[in-house]
């Protein structure tokens, strides 16, 4: 239980850390997030291994732009395969929580329960960079083969 609590705490810290890096930058739009997800889907269909490598390359501007980035997880075991915080790679997405919101389980269920290629929108609250007030954050999510992937953006 202590290890699980540590993982959840670290996940929250990563989310705060990653969003504060874009404080002085313009946030990505819904259109830009959807376009990034479309590029990610095409890359995954071409070569899953190469695509995941590109998604995890912080310098790849095609899949990392301001607060926008591709995240993925394996639908067999829930393990994170792509995320902007490298130490979360291999963590079980289903254990990630934002206070009382089981956001990781909701993301997993959203991708797993939708037909392949269908885009779903997951909504949750998280402060915008540089603020403490909760703001609406949305995530375009889809399933490609055995990967659940998405891109988040602020409303």
N, C-alpha and C. Protein backbone atom coordinates (compact mmCIF):
# COMPACT_ATOMS: atom_id res chain seq x y z
N UNK A 1 0.82 -1.19 0.00
CA UNK A 1 0.00 0.00 0.00
C UNK A 1 0.87 1.26 0.00
N UNK A 2 1.95 1.22 0.78
CA UNK A 2 2.85 2.37 0.85
C UNK A 2 3.47 2.63 -0.51
N UNK A 3 3.84 1.56 -1.22
CA UNK A 3 4.45 1.71 -2.54
C UNK A 3 3.45 2.30 -3.53
N UNK A 4 2.18 1.86 -3.42
CA UNK A 4 1.14 2.36 -4.30
C UNK A 4 0.91 3.85 -4.04
N UNK A 5 0.89 4.24 -2.75
CA UNK A 5 0.71 5.65 -2.39
C UNK A 5 1.85 6.50 -2.93
N UNK A 6 3.07 5.97 -2.86
CA UNK A 6 4.22 6.67 -3.39
C UNK A 6 4.07 6.87 -4.89
N UNK A 7 3.62 5.82 -5.58
CA UNK A 7 3.43 5.91 -7.03
C UNK A 7 2.39 6.95 -7.40
N UNK A 8 1.30 6.97 -6.66
CA UNK A 8 0.25 7.94 -6.92
C UNK A 8 0.75 9.35 -6.65
N UNK A 9 1.49 9.53 -5.56
CA UNK A 9 2.06 10.83 -5.23
C UNK A 9 3.03 11.30 -6.29
N UNK A 10 3.86 10.38 -6.77
CA UNK A 10 4.83 10.73 -7.82
C UNK A 10 4.10 11.10 -9.11
N UNK A 11 3.03 10.38 -9.41
CA UNK A 11 2.26 10.69 -10.62
C UNK A 11 1.68 12.10 -10.54
N UNK A 12 1.15 12.46 -9.39
CA UNK A 12 0.61 13.81 -9.21
C UNK A 12 1.71 14.85 -9.34
N UNK A 13 2.87 14.57 -8.76
CA UNK A 13 4.00 15.47 -8.86
C UNK A 13 4.43 15.67 -10.30
N UNK A 14 4.47 14.59 -11.06
CA UNK A 14 4.85 14.67 -12.47
C UNK A 14 3.86 15.52 -13.24
N UNK A 15 2.58 15.33 -12.98
CA UNK A 15 1.58 16.12 -13.68
C UNK A 15 1.76 17.61 -13.39
N UNK A 16 2.00 17.95 -12.14
CA UNK A 16 2.22 19.34 -11.77
C UNK A 16 3.50 19.86 -12.41
N UNK A 17 4.57 19.07 -12.32
CA UNK A 17 5.85 19.47 -12.88
C UNK A 17 5.75 19.68 -14.38
N UNK A 18 5.13 18.74 -15.08
CA UNK A 18 5.08 18.85 -16.53
C UNK A 18 4.24 20.03 -16.98
N UNK A 19 3.20 20.36 -16.23
CA UNK A 19 2.39 21.49 -16.65
C UNK A 19 3.02 22.82 -16.28
N UNK A 20 3.82 22.88 -15.24
CA UNK A 20 4.44 24.16 -14.89
C UNK A 20 5.55 24.53 -15.87
N UNK A 21 6.04 23.58 -16.62
CA UNK A 21 7.07 23.89 -17.61
C UNK A 21 6.54 24.75 -18.74
N UNK A 22 5.23 24.79 -18.91
CA UNK A 22 4.66 25.55 -20.01
C UNK A 22 3.99 26.84 -19.55
N UNK A 23 4.32 27.30 -18.33
CA UNK A 23 3.68 28.47 -17.77
C UNK A 23 3.75 29.67 -18.71
N UNK A 24 4.90 29.94 -19.24
CA UNK A 24 5.07 31.13 -20.06
C UNK A 24 4.70 30.90 -21.51
N UNK A 25 4.24 29.72 -21.84
CA UNK A 25 3.94 29.39 -23.22
C UNK A 25 2.44 29.36 -23.46
N UNK A 26 2.06 29.55 -24.68
CA UNK A 26 0.68 29.40 -25.09
C UNK A 26 0.32 27.93 -25.00
N UNK A 27 -0.89 27.64 -24.56
CA UNK A 27 -1.34 26.25 -24.46
C UNK A 27 -1.84 25.76 -25.82
N UNK A 28 -1.74 24.46 -26.03
CA UNK A 28 -2.22 23.86 -27.26
C UNK A 28 -3.74 23.89 -27.33
N UNK A 29 -4.26 23.86 -28.53
CA UNK A 29 -5.71 23.89 -28.75
C UNK A 29 -6.25 22.48 -28.99
N UNK A 30 -7.56 22.37 -28.96
CA UNK A 30 -8.21 21.09 -29.25
C UNK A 30 -7.85 20.61 -30.65
N UNK A 31 -7.81 21.53 -31.61
CA UNK A 31 -7.48 21.16 -32.99
C UNK A 31 -6.06 20.63 -33.09
N UNK A 32 -5.14 21.29 -32.38
CA UNK A 32 -3.74 20.84 -32.39
C UNK A 32 -3.59 19.49 -31.70
N UNK A 33 -4.33 19.29 -30.62
CA UNK A 33 -4.28 18.00 -29.91
C UNK A 33 -4.82 16.89 -30.81
N UNK A 34 -5.92 17.14 -31.49
CA UNK A 34 -6.50 16.13 -32.38
C UNK A 34 -5.56 15.82 -33.54
N UNK A 35 -4.94 16.84 -34.08
CA UNK A 35 -3.98 16.64 -35.17
C UNK A 35 -2.80 15.79 -34.70
N UNK A 36 -2.31 16.05 -33.48
CA UNK A 36 -1.20 15.28 -32.93
C UNK A 36 -1.62 13.82 -32.74
N UNK A 37 -2.83 13.60 -32.25
CA UNK A 37 -3.30 12.23 -32.08
C UNK A 37 -3.43 11.52 -33.43
N UNK A 38 -3.91 12.23 -34.43
CA UNK A 38 -4.00 11.63 -35.77
C UNK A 38 -2.61 11.21 -36.29
N UNK A 39 -1.60 12.06 -36.06
CA UNK A 39 -0.22 11.70 -36.45
C UNK A 39 0.26 10.48 -35.68
N UNK A 40 -0.09 10.43 -34.40
CA UNK A 40 0.32 9.29 -33.55
C UNK A 40 -0.32 8.00 -34.05
N UNK A 41 -1.59 8.04 -34.40
CA UNK A 41 -2.29 6.85 -34.90
C UNK A 41 -1.62 6.37 -36.18
N UNK A 42 -1.32 7.28 -37.09
CA UNK A 42 -0.65 6.89 -38.35
C UNK A 42 0.72 6.27 -38.05
N UNK A 43 1.47 6.85 -37.12
CA UNK A 43 2.79 6.32 -36.78
C UNK A 43 2.66 4.92 -36.15
N UNK A 44 1.70 4.73 -35.27
CA UNK A 44 1.51 3.42 -34.63
C UNK A 44 1.12 2.35 -35.65
N UNK A 45 0.29 2.72 -36.61
CA UNK A 45 -0.14 1.76 -37.64
C UNK A 45 1.04 1.37 -38.53
N UNK A 46 1.98 2.29 -38.71
CA UNK A 46 3.15 2.02 -39.54
C UNK A 46 4.14 1.11 -38.81
N UNK A 47 4.47 1.43 -37.56
CA UNK A 47 5.41 0.64 -36.76
C UNK A 47 5.25 1.03 -35.29
N UNK A 48 4.67 0.14 -34.50
CA UNK A 48 4.44 0.44 -33.08
C UNK A 48 5.74 0.75 -32.36
N UNK A 49 6.77 -0.05 -32.57
CA UNK A 49 8.04 0.15 -31.88
C UNK A 49 8.65 1.51 -32.22
N UNK A 50 8.70 1.84 -33.50
CA UNK A 50 9.27 3.12 -33.92
C UNK A 50 8.42 4.28 -33.41
N UNK A 51 7.10 4.12 -33.44
CA UNK A 51 6.21 5.18 -32.98
C UNK A 51 6.41 5.46 -31.50
N UNK A 52 6.43 4.43 -30.68
CA UNK A 52 6.61 4.63 -29.24
C UNK A 52 7.95 5.30 -28.94
N UNK A 53 8.96 4.95 -29.71
CA UNK A 53 10.27 5.59 -29.55
C UNK A 53 10.17 7.08 -29.86
N UNK A 54 9.46 7.43 -30.92
CA UNK A 54 9.28 8.84 -31.28
C UNK A 54 8.46 9.57 -30.21
N UNK A 55 7.42 8.93 -29.70
CA UNK A 55 6.58 9.57 -28.69
C UNK A 55 7.38 9.86 -27.42
N UNK A 56 8.33 9.00 -27.10
CA UNK A 56 9.12 9.16 -25.88
C UNK A 56 10.34 10.07 -26.05
N UNK A 57 10.59 10.51 -27.27
CA UNK A 57 11.69 11.43 -27.54
C UNK A 57 11.22 12.86 -27.27
N UNK A 58 11.64 13.42 -26.15
CA UNK A 58 11.20 14.76 -25.74
C UNK A 58 11.55 15.85 -26.77
N UNK A 59 12.49 15.57 -27.64
CA UNK A 59 12.90 16.55 -28.65
C UNK A 59 12.12 16.42 -29.95
N UNK A 60 11.27 15.42 -30.06
CA UNK A 60 10.48 15.23 -31.27
C UNK A 60 9.27 16.15 -31.22
N UNK A 61 9.36 17.27 -31.91
CA UNK A 61 8.32 18.29 -31.87
C UNK A 61 7.02 17.84 -32.55
N UNK A 62 7.07 16.78 -33.32
CA UNK A 62 5.86 16.25 -33.95
C UNK A 62 4.92 15.66 -32.89
N UNK A 63 5.51 15.19 -31.76
CA UNK A 63 4.70 14.55 -30.72
C UNK A 63 4.87 15.21 -29.35
N UNK A 64 5.58 16.35 -29.31
CA UNK A 64 5.76 17.17 -28.09
C UNK A 64 5.71 18.63 -28.51
N UNK A 65 4.63 19.31 -28.16
CA UNK A 65 4.48 20.72 -28.54
C UNK A 65 3.81 21.45 -27.37
N UNK A 66 4.58 22.28 -26.69
CA UNK A 66 4.11 23.01 -25.51
C UNK A 66 3.53 22.04 -24.48
N UNK A 67 2.26 22.16 -24.14
CA UNK A 67 1.64 21.25 -23.16
C UNK A 67 1.08 20.00 -23.81
N UNK A 68 1.17 19.88 -25.10
CA UNK A 68 0.63 18.72 -25.81
C UNK A 68 1.70 17.64 -25.98
N UNK A 69 1.34 16.41 -25.70
CA UNK A 69 2.22 15.28 -25.97
C UNK A 69 1.38 14.01 -26.02
N UNK A 70 1.90 13.02 -26.69
CA UNK A 70 1.21 11.73 -26.82
C UNK A 70 1.52 10.88 -25.60
N UNK A 71 0.51 10.25 -25.05
CA UNK A 71 0.71 9.24 -24.01
C UNK A 71 0.07 7.95 -24.49
N UNK A 72 0.65 6.82 -24.11
CA UNK A 72 0.10 5.51 -24.48
C UNK A 72 0.28 4.53 -23.34
N UNK A 73 -0.55 3.49 -23.36
CA UNK A 73 -0.44 2.40 -22.40
C UNK A 73 -0.92 1.12 -23.07
N UNK A 74 -0.38 0.02 -22.58
CA UNK A 74 -0.70 -1.30 -23.12
C UNK A 74 -2.05 -1.74 -22.56
N UNK A 75 -2.94 -2.18 -23.42
CA UNK A 75 -4.27 -2.58 -22.99
C UNK A 75 -4.32 -3.99 -22.40
N UNK A 76 -3.23 -4.73 -22.50
CA UNK A 76 -3.18 -6.07 -21.88
C UNK A 76 -2.88 -5.98 -20.40
N UNK A 77 -1.87 -5.16 -20.05
CA UNK A 77 -1.43 -5.11 -18.66
C UNK A 77 -1.50 -3.72 -18.03
N UNK A 78 -1.92 -2.71 -18.79
CA UNK A 78 -2.05 -1.37 -18.26
C UNK A 78 -0.75 -0.60 -18.16
N UNK A 79 0.36 -1.18 -18.57
CA UNK A 79 1.67 -0.51 -18.41
C UNK A 79 1.80 0.68 -19.36
N UNK A 80 2.26 1.80 -18.82
CA UNK A 80 2.50 3.00 -19.61
C UNK A 80 3.66 2.72 -20.56
N UNK A 81 3.44 3.00 -21.85
CA UNK A 81 4.47 2.79 -22.85
C UNK A 81 5.01 4.10 -23.41
N UNK A 82 4.28 5.20 -23.18
CA UNK A 82 4.73 6.51 -23.63
C UNK A 82 4.13 7.57 -22.72
N UNK A 83 5.00 8.47 -22.24
CA UNK A 83 4.53 9.57 -21.41
C UNK A 83 5.62 10.63 -21.35
N UNK A 84 5.23 11.87 -21.10
CA UNK A 84 6.21 12.95 -21.07
C UNK A 84 7.16 12.87 -19.87
N UNK A 85 6.79 12.10 -18.85
CA UNK A 85 7.67 11.88 -17.70
C UNK A 85 8.21 10.46 -17.79
N UNK A 86 9.46 10.30 -18.22
CA UNK A 86 10.01 8.97 -18.49
C UNK A 86 9.93 7.98 -17.33
N UNK A 87 9.97 8.46 -16.08
CA UNK A 87 9.95 7.50 -14.98
C UNK A 87 8.58 6.84 -14.81
N UNK A 88 7.55 7.32 -15.51
CA UNK A 88 6.25 6.65 -15.45
C UNK A 88 6.14 5.51 -16.46
N UNK A 89 7.11 5.42 -17.37
CA UNK A 89 7.10 4.32 -18.33
C UNK A 89 7.19 3.01 -17.54
N UNK A 90 6.27 2.10 -17.81
CA UNK A 90 6.23 0.83 -17.12
C UNK A 90 5.29 0.81 -15.92
N UNK A 91 4.85 1.99 -15.46
CA UNK A 91 3.88 2.04 -14.36
C UNK A 91 2.51 1.58 -14.88
N UNK A 92 1.68 1.10 -13.99
CA UNK A 92 0.33 0.68 -14.37
C UNK A 92 -0.56 1.91 -14.39
N UNK A 93 -1.03 2.29 -15.57
CA UNK A 93 -1.85 3.48 -15.73
C UNK A 93 -3.09 3.43 -14.84
N UNK A 94 -3.60 2.25 -14.58
CA UNK A 94 -4.84 2.10 -13.80
C UNK A 94 -4.67 2.56 -12.36
N UNK A 95 -3.44 2.71 -11.88
CA UNK A 95 -3.21 3.14 -10.49
C UNK A 95 -3.06 4.65 -10.35
N UNK A 96 -3.01 5.39 -11.46
CA UNK A 96 -2.81 6.83 -11.40
C UNK A 96 -4.11 7.54 -11.01
N UNK A 97 -4.00 8.42 -10.03
CA UNK A 97 -5.16 9.14 -9.50
C UNK A 97 -4.83 10.62 -9.38
N UNK A 98 -5.85 11.45 -9.53
CA UNK A 98 -5.76 12.87 -9.23
C UNK A 98 -6.73 13.12 -8.08
N UNK A 99 -6.21 13.21 -6.89
CA UNK A 99 -6.98 13.34 -5.66
C UNK A 99 -7.98 12.19 -5.60
N UNK A 100 -9.27 12.44 -5.76
CA UNK A 100 -10.26 11.36 -5.69
C UNK A 100 -10.70 10.84 -7.05
N UNK A 101 -10.06 11.29 -8.10
CA UNK A 101 -10.43 10.88 -9.46
C UNK A 101 -9.49 9.78 -9.94
N UNK A 102 -10.02 8.58 -10.17
CA UNK A 102 -9.18 7.49 -10.69
C UNK A 102 -8.94 7.66 -12.19
N UNK A 103 -8.27 8.75 -12.55
CA UNK A 103 -8.08 9.14 -13.95
C UNK A 103 -7.40 8.05 -14.77
N UNK A 104 -6.45 7.34 -14.19
CA UNK A 104 -5.77 6.28 -14.93
C UNK A 104 -6.71 5.14 -15.29
N UNK A 105 -7.53 4.73 -14.35
CA UNK A 105 -8.51 3.66 -14.63
C UNK A 105 -9.53 4.14 -15.66
N UNK A 106 -9.94 5.40 -15.54
CA UNK A 106 -10.91 5.93 -16.52
C UNK A 106 -10.31 5.98 -17.91
N UNK A 107 -9.04 6.38 -18.01
CA UNK A 107 -8.37 6.41 -19.32
C UNK A 107 -8.27 5.01 -19.90
N UNK A 108 -7.88 4.06 -19.06
CA UNK A 108 -7.75 2.66 -19.49
C UNK A 108 -9.10 2.14 -19.99
N UNK A 109 -10.16 2.34 -19.20
CA UNK A 109 -11.49 1.87 -19.58
C UNK A 109 -11.99 2.53 -20.85
N UNK A 110 -11.71 3.82 -21.00
CA UNK A 110 -12.14 4.55 -22.19
C UNK A 110 -11.53 3.93 -23.44
N UNK A 111 -10.23 3.70 -23.42
CA UNK A 111 -9.56 3.12 -24.59
C UNK A 111 -9.97 1.67 -24.81
N UNK A 112 -10.05 0.90 -23.76
CA UNK A 112 -10.37 -0.53 -23.87
C UNK A 112 -11.80 -0.76 -24.35
N UNK A 113 -12.74 0.07 -23.92
CA UNK A 113 -14.16 -0.16 -24.21
C UNK A 113 -14.65 0.45 -25.51
N UNK A 114 -13.82 1.19 -26.21
CA UNK A 114 -14.23 1.78 -27.47
C UNK A 114 -13.67 0.97 -28.64
N UNK A 115 -14.40 0.96 -29.75
CA UNK A 115 -13.88 0.26 -30.93
C UNK A 115 -12.57 0.88 -31.40
N UNK A 116 -11.71 0.06 -31.96
CA UNK A 116 -10.43 0.55 -32.45
C UNK A 116 -10.65 1.68 -33.44
N UNK A 117 -9.88 2.75 -33.25
CA UNK A 117 -9.94 3.90 -34.15
C UNK A 117 -10.98 4.94 -33.76
N UNK A 118 -11.92 4.61 -32.90
CA UNK A 118 -12.92 5.59 -32.47
C UNK A 118 -12.27 6.53 -31.46
N UNK A 119 -12.50 7.82 -31.64
CA UNK A 119 -11.94 8.82 -30.73
C UNK A 119 -12.97 9.11 -29.64
N UNK A 120 -12.54 9.00 -28.40
CA UNK A 120 -13.38 9.34 -27.25
C UNK A 120 -12.76 10.53 -26.55
N UNK A 121 -13.58 11.24 -25.79
CA UNK A 121 -13.08 12.38 -25.03
C UNK A 121 -13.28 12.10 -23.55
N UNK A 122 -12.19 12.22 -22.81
CA UNK A 122 -12.20 12.04 -21.37
C UNK A 122 -11.98 13.41 -20.74
N UNK A 123 -12.80 13.76 -19.76
CA UNK A 123 -12.72 15.07 -19.12
C UNK A 123 -12.35 14.92 -17.66
N UNK A 124 -11.50 15.84 -17.18
CA UNK A 124 -11.16 15.88 -15.76
C UNK A 124 -10.73 17.30 -15.41
N UNK A 125 -10.50 17.56 -14.15
CA UNK A 125 -10.08 18.88 -13.70
C UNK A 125 -8.63 18.84 -13.26
N UNK A 126 -7.88 19.85 -13.71
CA UNK A 126 -6.48 19.98 -13.34
C UNK A 126 -6.09 21.43 -13.55
N UNK A 127 -5.33 22.03 -12.63
CA UNK A 127 -4.96 23.45 -12.79
C UNK A 127 -4.14 23.70 -14.05
N UNK A 128 -4.42 24.82 -14.69
CA UNK A 128 -3.60 25.24 -15.81
C UNK A 128 -2.22 25.62 -15.27
N UNK A 129 -1.21 25.56 -16.12
CA UNK A 129 0.13 25.93 -15.68
C UNK A 129 0.15 27.32 -15.03
N UNK A 130 0.81 27.38 -13.89
CA UNK A 130 0.95 28.64 -13.18
C UNK A 130 -0.24 29.03 -12.33
N UNK A 131 -1.26 28.15 -12.24
CA UNK A 131 -2.44 28.44 -11.44
C UNK A 131 -2.68 27.31 -10.44
N UNK A 132 -3.59 27.54 -9.53
CA UNK A 132 -3.96 26.49 -8.58
C UNK A 132 -5.43 26.12 -8.69
N UNK A 133 -6.21 26.94 -9.38
CA UNK A 133 -7.64 26.67 -9.53
C UNK A 133 -7.86 25.55 -10.55
N UNK A 134 -8.73 24.60 -10.24
CA UNK A 134 -9.01 23.53 -11.20
C UNK A 134 -9.57 24.10 -12.51
N UNK A 135 -9.12 23.54 -13.60
CA UNK A 135 -9.59 23.92 -14.93
C UNK A 135 -9.96 22.65 -15.68
N UNK A 136 -10.84 22.78 -16.64
CA UNK A 136 -11.26 21.63 -17.42
C UNK A 136 -10.15 21.22 -18.38
N UNK A 137 -9.76 19.98 -18.28
CA UNK A 137 -8.76 19.40 -19.18
C UNK A 137 -9.43 18.22 -19.86
N UNK A 138 -9.20 18.11 -21.15
CA UNK A 138 -9.80 17.04 -21.93
C UNK A 138 -8.72 16.22 -22.59
N UNK A 139 -9.06 15.00 -22.89
CA UNK A 139 -8.12 14.10 -23.52
C UNK A 139 -8.81 13.39 -24.68
N UNK A 140 -8.26 13.54 -25.88
CA UNK A 140 -8.69 12.72 -27.01
C UNK A 140 -8.02 11.38 -26.82
N UNK A 141 -8.78 10.29 -26.81
CA UNK A 141 -8.21 8.96 -26.62
C UNK A 141 -8.75 8.00 -27.65
N UNK A 142 -7.90 7.03 -27.99
CA UNK A 142 -8.31 6.00 -28.94
C UNK A 142 -7.52 4.72 -28.68
N UNK A 143 -7.95 3.68 -29.33
CA UNK A 143 -7.26 2.38 -29.25
C UNK A 143 -6.71 2.07 -30.64
N UNK A 144 -5.43 1.71 -30.67
CA UNK A 144 -4.75 1.30 -31.90
C UNK A 144 -4.08 -0.02 -31.58
N UNK A 145 -4.62 -1.11 -32.11
CA UNK A 145 -4.07 -2.42 -31.76
C UNK A 145 -4.21 -2.65 -30.28
N UNK A 146 -3.10 -2.91 -29.60
CA UNK A 146 -3.11 -3.16 -28.16
C UNK A 146 -2.66 -1.95 -27.35
N UNK A 147 -2.62 -0.79 -28.00
CA UNK A 147 -2.23 0.44 -27.32
C UNK A 147 -3.45 1.37 -27.17
N UNK A 148 -3.58 1.92 -25.98
CA UNK A 148 -4.52 3.00 -25.74
C UNK A 148 -3.68 4.27 -25.73
N UNK A 149 -4.03 5.25 -26.56
CA UNK A 149 -3.24 6.47 -26.66
C UNK A 149 -4.12 7.70 -26.64
N UNK A 150 -3.51 8.80 -26.27
CA UNK A 150 -4.26 10.05 -26.25
C UNK A 150 -3.35 11.26 -26.22
N UNK A 151 -4.01 12.42 -26.32
CA UNK A 151 -3.35 13.72 -26.20
C UNK A 151 -4.30 14.60 -25.40
N UNK A 152 -3.80 15.25 -24.36
CA UNK A 152 -4.64 16.11 -23.53
C UNK A 152 -4.46 17.58 -23.88
N UNK A 153 -5.48 18.36 -23.57
CA UNK A 153 -5.46 19.81 -23.80
C UNK A 153 -6.44 20.46 -22.83
N UNK A 154 -6.25 21.75 -22.61
CA UNK A 154 -7.15 22.51 -21.75
C UNK A 154 -8.27 23.10 -22.57
N UNK A 155 -9.45 23.12 -21.98
CA UNK A 155 -10.63 23.68 -22.64
C UNK A 155 -10.53 25.20 -22.65
